[in-house]
Amino acid sequence: MRYTKRTKKYGAKASDDPSALTVNDEAINDARAAVELLSKQPKIDSKRIFVLGHSWGGYLAPRIATGDSQISGIIILAGSARPLEQMIVEQLQYFATQPGGSSEQLQKQLAAAEESEKQIENPNLKSTDTIGLVGARVPGGYFLDLRGYDPPAVAAKLTIPILVLQGGRDYQVRDADFDAWKKALEGKPSGEFKHYVDLNHLFETGKGMATPSEYDNPGHVAEPVVADIAAWILADARIDCARTNHVTQWRQHESRSNPLLWRPPLNCAILRFEVAAVHRAIVSPGGNSNAPELRRSSRDPQQVAPLAPRESRNKCPLSPQ
């Protein structure tokens, strides 16, 4: 399932009281409502619903899953493990190392972001305060709601399967974030990790640390990422099948060696969820029409193809056909 993020579609009208906006209003309540909607679809096994979050969506995924027993697992693509204000300052500092990084405009943006970071982390911050952050005016309550939220620590308390994927060329979410997820989930059978040395924040292939201009190039998610996600869900389905004595049904599918040809023995649904921070992201819920997304090609299942126009898409990218 995919849907347009509330603040993308409605802007300031996304909340009855914009001055009291939190991530619950912005994203979490809608994500849980989507899970509830999927659970009621007759062709979907309500016990096999996964939430996939990219970037800021990965940051929020553990919070979305907490207390929602209908979520069978979460997939975190380039999920930040640190607060938004810190990530933005770090990204702007990286921009400053690139050609043209010494421009007066960028230096002003960096200085403003550093000042915003101080305001957000000020112990005297009030919910009624207004913070300027990369051109937006955000109520202080938005950040107070997230104060103390530690995504990896929250993830470690979950008992559902968790898959964390990270690109080694990513300058927005760094290996330090990936390491934080690994440390928190270390030794837990529920956690699995995939690191791709040559992929950027959009999980597109390249060389060297990515640059902002890279995002202007048409592309799609690298095939190994799609394959790894499919294989991970398939493995989880195998465990579930064994527990429910569907071994014969499983073996009918076990011989399929290519995970891109995957047809699970149980229907499942994947809720793709993302909240963009500074740049667009791969699995944006209706935000950017040029953003690459996950899909198996209907003509050649061994290839990964760009998605068709949104109006013609209505199926989960990894669901049975």
Protein backbone atom coordinates (compact mmCIF):
# COMPACT_ATOMS: atom_id res chain seq x y z
CA MET A 1 0.00 0.00 0.00
CA ARG A 2 1.15 3.53 -0.68
CA TYR A 3 -0.52 6.83 0.14
CA THR A 4 0.21 10.53 0.08
CA LYS A 5 1.69 11.85 3.29
CA ARG A 6 -0.82 14.01 5.16
CA THR A 7 1.34 17.16 5.30
CA LYS A 8 2.20 16.79 1.60
CA LYS A 9 -1.46 16.78 0.57
CA TYR A 10 -2.99 19.15 3.10
CA GLY A 11 -0.11 21.35 4.26
CA ALA A 12 -1.10 23.53 7.21
CA LYS A 13 -4.56 21.93 7.18
CA ALA A 14 -3.07 18.51 7.99
CA SER A 15 -3.83 19.08 11.67
CA ASP A 16 -6.80 20.64 13.43
CA ASP A 17 -4.29 22.63 15.44
CA PRO A 18 -1.03 23.20 13.49
CA SER A 19 0.56 24.72 16.59
CA ALA A 20 0.20 21.35 18.32
CA LEU A 21 1.46 19.21 15.41
CA THR A 22 3.49 16.10 16.32
CA VAL A 23 4.69 13.06 14.36
CA ASN A 24 1.52 11.33 15.53
CA ASP A 25 -0.56 13.75 13.48
CA GLU A 26 1.97 13.96 10.68
CA ALA A 27 2.63 10.28 10.10
CA ILE A 28 2.14 7.68 12.82
CA ASN A 29 -1.66 7.72 13.15
CA ASP A 30 -2.08 7.42 9.38
CA ALA A 31 0.44 4.58 9.15
CA ARG A 32 -1.40 2.62 11.81
CA ALA A 33 -4.73 3.36 10.12
CA ALA A 34 -3.26 1.97 6.89
CA VAL A 35 -2.21 -1.20 8.70
CA GLU A 36 -5.73 -1.52 10.08
CA LEU A 37 -7.19 -1.07 6.59
CA LEU A 38 -4.88 -3.75 5.16
CA SER A 39 -5.81 -6.17 7.92
CA LYS A 40 -9.43 -6.04 6.79
CA GLN A 41 -8.74 -6.83 3.13
CA PRO A 42 -10.02 -10.35 2.28
CA LYS A 43 -6.99 -11.17 0.12
CA ILE A 44 -4.46 -10.13 2.77
CA ASP A 45 -3.39 -12.34 5.66
CA SER A 46 -3.78 -9.97 8.61
CA LYS A 47 -0.87 -11.72 10.33
CA ARG A 48 1.56 -10.84 7.53
CA ILE A 49 1.64 -7.05 7.36
CA PHE A 50 5.05 -5.37 7.25
CA VAL A 51 5.94 -1.69 7.56
CA LEU A 52 8.83 -0.43 5.43
CA GLY A 53 10.27 2.96 6.38
CA HIS A 54 12.95 4.91 4.55
CA SER A 55 15.11 7.64 6.11
CA TRP A 56 12.85 9.58 8.51
CA GLY A 57 10.28 6.83 8.03
CA GLY A 58 12.88 4.33 9.23
CA TYR A 59 13.48 6.56 12.24
CA LEU A 60 9.77 6.40 13.10
CA ALA A 61 9.18 2.73 12.22
CA PRO A 62 9.88 1.35 15.73
CA ARG A 63 7.46 3.87 17.21
CA ILE A 64 4.80 2.96 14.64
CA ALA A 65 5.19 -0.73 15.47
CA THR A 66 5.16 -0.26 19.25
CA GLY A 67 1.80 -1.31 20.62
CA ASP A 68 0.41 -2.35 17.21
CA SER A 69 0.07 -6.12 17.28
CA GLN A 70 -1.06 -6.22 13.63
CA ILE A 71 2.44 -5.33 12.39
CA SER A 72 4.39 -8.52 11.68
CA GLY A 73 7.77 -6.90 11.07
CA ILE A 74 9.53 -3.70 10.08
CA ILE A 75 12.02 -2.97 7.32
CA ILE A 76 14.29 0.03 7.88
CA LEU A 77 15.93 1.51 4.78
CA ALA A 78 18.63 4.08 5.65
CA GLY A 79 16.87 4.77 8.93
CA SER A 80 18.33 7.60 10.96
CA ALA A 81 19.11 6.78 14.57
CA ARG A 82 19.69 10.38 15.63
CA PRO A 83 17.41 13.43 16.01
CA LEU A 84 16.40 15.35 12.89
CA GLU A 85 18.10 18.59 13.92
CA GLN A 86 21.46 16.83 14.24
CA MET A 87 21.08 15.12 10.88
CA ILE A 88 20.30 18.40 9.10
CA VAL A 89 23.36 20.15 10.55
CA GLU A 90 25.55 17.21 9.55
CA GLN A 91 24.19 17.24 6.00
CA LEU A 92 24.79 20.97 5.61
CA GLN A 93 28.31 20.54 6.96
CA TYR A 94 28.87 17.94 4.25
CA PHE A 95 27.51 20.31 1.60
CA ALA A 96 30.09 22.84 2.79
CA THR A 97 32.87 20.42 1.76
CA GLN A 98 31.56 20.20 -1.81
CA PRO A 99 32.36 22.57 -4.70
CA GLY A 100 30.62 25.86 -3.98
CA GLY A 101 30.30 24.96 -0.33
CA SER A 102 31.86 28.20 0.80
CA SER A 103 29.02 30.26 -0.69
CA GLU A 104 27.52 32.89 1.55
CA GLN A 105 24.04 31.40 1.17
CA LEU A 106 25.11 27.94 2.34
CA GLN A 107 27.05 29.35 5.25
CA LYS A 108 23.95 31.26 6.36
CA GLN A 109 21.87 28.09 6.08
CA LEU A 110 24.39 26.19 8.18
CA ALA A 111 24.53 28.91 10.83
CA ALA A 112 20.71 28.99 10.98
CA ALA A 113 20.52 25.19 11.29
CA GLU A 114 23.07 25.20 14.12
CA GLU A 115 21.07 27.88 15.92
CA SER A 116 17.87 25.84 15.44
CA GLU A 117 19.63 22.80 16.87
CA LYS A 118 20.49 24.77 20.00
CA GLN A 119 16.89 25.97 20.36
CA ILE A 120 15.47 22.47 19.92
CA GLU A 121 17.85 20.97 22.47
CA ASN A 122 17.36 23.81 24.96
CA PRO A 123 15.94 22.30 28.17
CA ASN A 124 13.69 25.37 28.46
CA LEU A 125 12.00 24.78 25.09
CA LYS A 126 8.23 25.25 25.30
CA SER A 127 5.56 23.63 23.17
CA THR A 128 4.33 27.09 22.18
CA ASP A 129 7.74 28.15 20.84
CA THR A 130 8.25 28.24 17.07
CA ILE A 131 11.47 26.93 15.54
CA GLY A 132 12.73 27.80 12.06
CA LEU A 133 14.22 24.70 10.40
CA VAL A 134 15.36 24.60 6.75
CA GLY A 135 12.74 27.14 5.76
CA ALA A 136 9.87 25.67 7.77
CA ARG A 137 8.27 27.00 10.95
CA VAL A 138 7.82 24.11 13.36
CA PRO A 139 6.10 24.21 16.77
CA GLY A 140 8.29 23.43 19.76
CA GLY A 141 5.88 20.71 20.78
CA TYR A 142 6.85 18.74 17.70
CA PHE A 143 10.39 18.38 19.02
CA LEU A 144 9.38 17.96 22.65
CA ASP A 145 7.29 14.96 21.57
CA LEU A 146 10.45 13.37 20.11
CA ARG A 147 12.74 14.35 22.97
CA GLY A 148 14.19 11.21 24.48
CA TYR A 149 13.01 9.03 21.61
CA ASP A 150 15.78 6.55 20.81
CA PRO A 151 14.74 4.52 17.72
CA PRO A 152 17.27 1.66 18.13
CA ALA A 153 16.44 1.31 21.83
CA VAL A 154 12.71 1.20 21.06
CA ALA A 155 13.38 -1.34 18.28
CA ALA A 156 15.29 -3.52 20.74
CA LYS A 157 12.13 -3.87 22.86
CA LEU A 158 10.08 -5.16 19.92
CA THR A 159 9.65 -8.90 19.48
CA ILE A 160 8.85 -8.80 15.76
CA PRO A 161 11.45 -9.37 12.97
CA ILE A 162 13.45 -6.30 11.96
CA LEU A 163 15.52 -5.83 8.80
CA VAL A 164 17.91 -2.86 8.63
CA LEU A 165 19.52 -1.86 5.32
CA GLN A 166 22.17 0.82 4.74
CA GLY A 167 24.10 2.21 1.78
CA GLY A 168 27.81 2.87 2.29
CA ARG A 169 27.76 5.98 0.08
CA ASP A 170 24.95 7.65 2.03
CA TYR A 171 25.83 11.14 3.28
CA GLN A 172 22.37 11.78 4.80
CA VAL A 173 22.17 8.74 7.06
CA ARG A 174 25.65 7.52 7.91
CA ASP A 175 27.24 4.23 8.88
CA ALA A 176 27.21 5.57 12.45
CA ASP A 177 23.43 5.28 12.37
CA PHE A 178 23.62 1.76 10.95
CA ASP A 179 26.07 0.82 13.71
CA ALA A 180 23.65 2.17 16.33
CA TRP A 181 20.91 -0.14 15.03
CA LYS A 182 23.33 -3.08 15.06
CA LYS A 183 24.51 -2.36 18.58
CA ALA A 184 20.97 -2.09 19.93
CA LEU A 185 19.79 -5.28 18.23
CA GLU A 186 23.01 -7.25 18.68
CA GLY A 187 22.37 -10.80 19.78
CA LYS A 188 18.64 -10.56 19.19
CA PRO A 189 17.30 -13.18 16.75
CA SER A 190 14.77 -10.66 15.51
CA GLY A 191 17.39 -8.36 13.95
CA GLU A 192 19.07 -8.73 10.54
CA PHE A 193 21.36 -6.27 8.77
CA LYS A 194 22.43 -5.57 5.19
CA HIS A 195 25.14 -3.09 4.18
CA TYR A 196 25.78 -2.13 0.54
CA VAL A 197 29.13 -0.43 0.03
CA ASP A 198 28.31 1.09 -3.38
CA LEU A 199 24.78 2.40 -2.72
CA ASN A 200 23.65 5.92 -1.78
CA HIS A 201 20.71 7.16 0.29
CA LEU A 202 18.32 6.21 -2.51
CA PHE A 203 19.96 2.77 -2.72
CA GLU A 204 21.30 3.54 -6.18
CA THR A 205 24.71 2.36 -7.32
CA GLY A 206 27.72 4.66 -7.71
CA LYS A 207 31.28 5.34 -6.64
CA GLY A 208 32.59 7.45 -3.78
CA MET A 209 30.47 9.37 -1.29
CA ALA A 210 27.24 10.52 -2.90
CA THR A 211 26.53 14.16 -3.74
CA PRO A 212 23.22 16.10 -3.87
CA SER A 213 23.45 16.39 -7.66
CA GLU A 214 23.29 12.58 -7.90
CA TYR A 215 19.64 12.71 -6.93
CA ASP A 216 18.82 14.47 -10.19
CA ASN A 217 19.81 11.41 -12.19
CA PRO A 218 17.00 8.95 -13.04
CA GLY A 219 17.51 5.62 -11.35
CA HIS A 220 15.94 2.82 -9.37
CA VAL A 221 16.64 0.78 -6.29
CA ALA A 222 19.50 -1.68 -6.83
CA GLU A 223 18.35 -5.24 -7.54
CA PRO A 224 20.18 -6.82 -4.55
CA VAL A 225 18.12 -4.63 -2.19
CA VAL A 226 14.84 -5.83 -3.67
CA ALA A 227 16.09 -9.42 -3.60
CA ASP A 228 17.25 -9.18 0.01
CA ILE A 229 13.93 -7.75 1.19
CA ALA A 230 12.00 -10.46 -0.65
CA ALA A 231 14.27 -13.22 0.68
CA TRP A 232 13.97 -11.90 4.23
CA ILE A 233 10.17 -11.89 4.13
CA LEU A 234 10.20 -15.29 2.47
CA ALA A 235 12.39 -16.67 5.27
CA ASP A 236 10.00 -15.24 7.85
CA ALA A 237 7.13 -16.87 5.97
CA ARG A 238 8.98 -20.18 6.17
CA ILE A 239 9.20 -19.94 9.94
CA ASP A 240 5.53 -19.05 10.13
CA CYS A 241 4.59 -21.93 7.85
CA ALA A 242 6.57 -24.37 9.97
CA ARG A 243 4.79 -23.16 13.08
CA THR A 244 1.38 -23.59 11.47
CA ASN A 245 2.20 -26.95 9.85
CA HIS A 246 2.10 -25.63 6.28
CA VAL A 247 5.30 -27.49 5.41
CA THR A 248 3.88 -29.07 2.25
CA GLN A 249 2.66 -25.71 1.01
CA TRP A 250 6.06 -24.18 1.79
CA ARG A 251 7.97 -26.84 -0.16
CA GLN A 252 6.01 -26.00 -3.26
CA HIS A 253 7.70 -22.60 -3.13
CA GLU A 254 11.05 -23.51 -1.59
CA SER A 255 12.48 -24.63 -4.95
CA ARG A 256 12.28 -21.10 -6.33
CA SER A 257 15.89 -20.05 -6.08
CA ASN A 258 15.46 -16.44 -7.26
CA PRO A 259 13.78 -14.30 -4.59
CA LEU A 260 12.63 -11.88 -7.30
CA LEU A 261 10.34 -14.68 -8.50
CA TRP A 262 8.97 -14.98 -5.01
CA ARG A 263 5.38 -16.09 -4.45
CA PRO A 264 4.86 -16.55 -0.70
CA PRO A 265 2.73 -19.39 0.60
CA LEU A 266 0.78 -16.86 2.64
CA ASN A 267 -0.57 -13.57 1.37
CA CYS A 268 1.23 -10.58 2.84
CA ALA A 269 1.14 -6.83 2.57
CA ILE A 270 3.88 -4.25 2.82
CA LEU A 271 3.03 -0.74 3.91
CA ARG A 272 5.70 1.48 2.38
CA PHE A 273 6.17 4.50 4.58
CA GLU A 274 8.56 7.43 4.39
CA VAL A 275 8.78 10.95 5.72
CA ALA A 276 11.26 13.05 3.76
CA ALA A 277 13.77 15.12 5.71
CA VAL A 278 15.83 17.29 3.34
CA HIS A 279 15.75 15.39 0.06
CA ARG A 280 13.22 13.12 -1.62
CA ALA A 281 13.40 9.41 -0.86
CA ILE A 282 12.91 6.07 -2.55
CA VAL A 283 9.64 4.99 -1.09
CA SER A 284 7.93 8.36 -0.76
CA PRO A 285 4.16 7.89 -0.23
CA GLY A 286 3.10 10.05 -3.15
CA GLY A 287 5.56 12.89 -2.63
CA ASN A 288 7.79 12.98 -5.71
CA SER A 289 6.80 11.44 -9.02
CA ASN A 290 10.42 10.97 -10.03
CA ALA A 291 11.50 9.08 -6.92
CA PRO A 292 12.62 5.51 -7.69
CA GLU A 293 10.76 2.74 -5.92
CA LEU A 294 10.80 -1.03 -5.45
CA ARG A 295 9.23 -3.17 -8.15
CA ARG A 296 9.60 -6.49 -9.93
CA SER A 297 9.31 -6.25 -13.71
CA SER A 298 6.21 -8.01 -15.04
CA ARG A 299 8.00 -8.79 -18.29
CA ASP A 300 11.22 -10.11 -16.82
CA PRO A 301 11.03 -10.99 -13.10
CA GLN A 302 14.83 -11.05 -12.89
CA GLN A 303 15.05 -7.34 -13.61
CA VAL A 304 14.04 -4.36 -11.53
CA ALA A 305 12.00 -1.88 -13.53
CA PRO A 306 10.82 1.68 -12.87
CA LEU A 307 7.28 1.91 -11.58
CA ALA A 308 4.38 2.64 -13.87
CA PRO A 309 2.47 5.94 -13.43
CA ARG A 310 0.93 6.09 -9.98
CA GLU A 311 -2.64 5.95 -11.21
CA SER A 312 -2.00 2.50 -12.70
CA ARG A 313 -0.43 1.06 -9.54
CA ASN A 314 -2.52 -0.60 -6.87
CA LYS A 315 -0.56 -3.64 -5.71
CA CYS A 316 2.05 -4.17 -3.03
CA PRO A 317 5.43 -4.47 -4.84
CA LEU A 318 6.26 -7.77 -3.20
CA SER A 319 2.79 -9.24 -2.90
CA PRO A 320 1.53 -12.30 -4.79
CA GLN A 321 0.15 -11.47 -8.23
